[in-house]
Protein backbone atom coordinates (compact mmCIF):
# COMPACT_ATOMS: atom_id res chain seq x y z
CA UNK A 1 263.54 132.99 78.62
CA UNK A 2 260.79 135.38 77.46
CA UNK A 3 261.02 136.49 73.80
CA UNK A 4 258.16 139.00 73.90
CA UNK A 5 258.91 142.72 73.89
CA UNK A 6 258.53 144.66 77.10
CA UNK A 7 256.04 147.49 76.83
CA UNK A 8 257.97 150.20 78.66
CA UNK A 9 261.54 149.44 77.61
CA UNK A 10 260.91 149.01 73.85
CA UNK A 11 263.49 146.19 73.73
CA UNK A 12 263.36 142.50 72.94
CA UNK A 13 264.65 140.03 75.49
CA UNK A 14 267.54 138.04 74.02
CA UNK A 15 268.27 134.43 74.91
CA UNK A 16 272.05 135.01 74.68
CA UNK A 17 272.16 137.39 77.62
CA UNK A 18 274.18 140.54 78.26
CA UNK A 19 277.32 139.59 76.34
CA UNK A 20 275.74 140.93 73.13
CA UNK A 21 274.47 144.45 72.71
CA UNK A 22 270.70 144.81 72.51
CA UNK A 23 269.57 146.13 69.15
CA UNK A 24 267.34 149.16 69.17
CA UNK A 25 263.80 148.64 67.84
CA UNK A 26 264.18 151.35 65.23
CA UNK A 27 267.19 149.56 63.73
CA UNK A 28 265.25 146.29 63.64
CA UNK A 29 262.28 147.99 62.03
CA UNK A 30 264.56 149.63 59.48
CA UNK A 31 266.10 146.26 58.60
CA UNK A 32 262.66 144.68 58.24
CA UNK A 33 261.50 147.59 56.09
CA UNK A 34 264.55 147.23 53.84
CA UNK A 35 263.88 143.51 53.40
CA UNK A 36 260.25 144.13 52.57
CA UNK A 37 261.07 146.92 50.11
CA UNK A 38 263.46 144.60 48.25
CA UNK A 39 260.64 142.09 47.83
CA UNK A 40 258.19 144.72 46.63
CA UNK A 41 260.63 146.09 44.03
CA UNK A 42 260.37 142.80 42.14
CA UNK A 43 256.60 143.14 41.77
CA UNK A 44 255.43 145.40 38.95
CA UNK A 45 252.44 147.66 39.29
CA UNK A 46 249.64 146.40 37.05
CA UNK A 47 249.20 148.56 33.96
CA UNK A 48 245.72 149.61 33.10
CA UNK A 49 244.08 150.17 29.75
CA UNK A 50 245.40 150.05 26.24
CA UNK A 51 246.61 147.17 24.15
CA UNK A 52 249.17 144.87 25.65
CA UNK A 53 250.20 141.24 25.31
CA UNK A 54 247.90 138.87 27.13
CA UNK A 55 244.90 141.21 27.13
CA UNK A 56 241.73 139.80 25.63
CA UNK A 57 240.58 141.19 22.32
CA UNK A 58 237.45 143.32 22.15
CA UNK A 59 234.26 141.36 21.67
CA UNK A 60 232.57 142.01 18.33
CA UNK A 61 228.97 142.64 19.36
CA UNK A 62 227.77 143.25 15.78
CA UNK A 63 226.53 146.78 16.55
CA UNK A 64 226.21 147.73 12.88
CA UNK A 65 224.22 144.59 12.12
CA UNK A 66 221.78 145.20 14.96
CA UNK A 67 221.41 148.89 14.04
CA UNK A 68 220.41 147.79 10.53
CA UNK A 69 217.91 145.29 11.97
CA UNK A 70 216.45 147.96 14.24
CA UNK A 71 216.02 150.34 11.31
CA UNK A 72 214.41 147.61 9.19
CA UNK A 73 212.09 146.57 12.03
CA UNK A 74 210.74 150.05 12.82
CA UNK A 75 211.67 152.72 10.24
CA UNK A 76 211.98 151.16 6.77
CA UNK A 77 209.41 151.62 3.98
CA UNK A 78 207.81 148.30 4.98
CA UNK A 79 208.64 147.85 8.70
CA UNK A 80 208.38 144.48 10.41
CA UNK A 81 206.52 146.02 13.35
CA UNK A 82 203.69 148.52 12.95
CA UNK A 83 203.10 151.77 14.84
CA UNK A 84 201.27 149.98 17.66
CA UNK A 85 204.28 147.76 18.36
CA UNK A 86 206.55 150.84 18.33
CA UNK A 87 204.27 152.64 20.77
CA UNK A 88 204.10 149.63 23.10
CA UNK A 89 207.88 149.16 23.12
CA UNK A 90 209.03 152.80 23.31
CA UNK A 91 205.91 154.38 24.90
CA UNK A 92 205.83 156.99 22.17
CA UNK A 93 204.18 157.42 18.79
CA UNK A 94 206.62 156.67 15.93
CA UNK A 95 205.78 159.94 14.13
CA UNK A 96 206.43 161.92 17.32
CA UNK A 97 209.79 160.17 17.70
CA UNK A 98 210.70 161.04 14.08
CA UNK A 99 209.76 164.69 14.73
CA UNK A 100 211.94 164.82 17.86
CA UNK A 101 214.85 163.24 15.98
CA UNK A 102 214.60 165.68 13.06
CA UNK A 103 214.21 168.74 15.37
CA UNK A 104 217.25 167.72 17.40
CA UNK A 105 219.26 167.11 14.23
CA UNK A 106 218.36 170.58 12.90
CA UNK A 107 219.10 172.28 16.23
CA UNK A 108 222.47 170.69 17.06
CA UNK A 109 225.04 169.71 14.40
CA UNK A 110 226.45 167.08 16.77
CA UNK A 111 223.50 164.82 15.89
CA UNK A 112 223.91 165.12 12.10
CA UNK A 113 225.44 162.13 10.39
CA UNK A 114 228.88 162.99 9.03
CA UNK A 115 231.56 161.06 7.19
CA UNK A 116 234.30 159.78 9.49
CA UNK A 117 237.89 158.78 8.78
CA UNK A 118 236.77 155.46 7.31
CA UNK A 119 234.59 157.17 4.72
């Protein structure tokens, strides 16, 4: 006996014949949907962001250390690299860069170094 649905009638052929009532497709779909929704209730939505157990710790990239090295290499009293190296790397004269930095700092207080909550 054929178990495929008929296109026009919207009913499934049943192997047990006419003694049982044929179940409407919408009832079958509702039952399937209920079964699927029970399975999906068990699965939690993944949380995003913030600290939580099992999340990897932030990687310490030594930003402060490298900022100090950068300052020592290019802006200290006796820099590791001279003005020619600075110009080659940043495509700008070091004195011009210092002037831009000081002008921006004077113009906008956002760029002034301030004490934060750590001191």
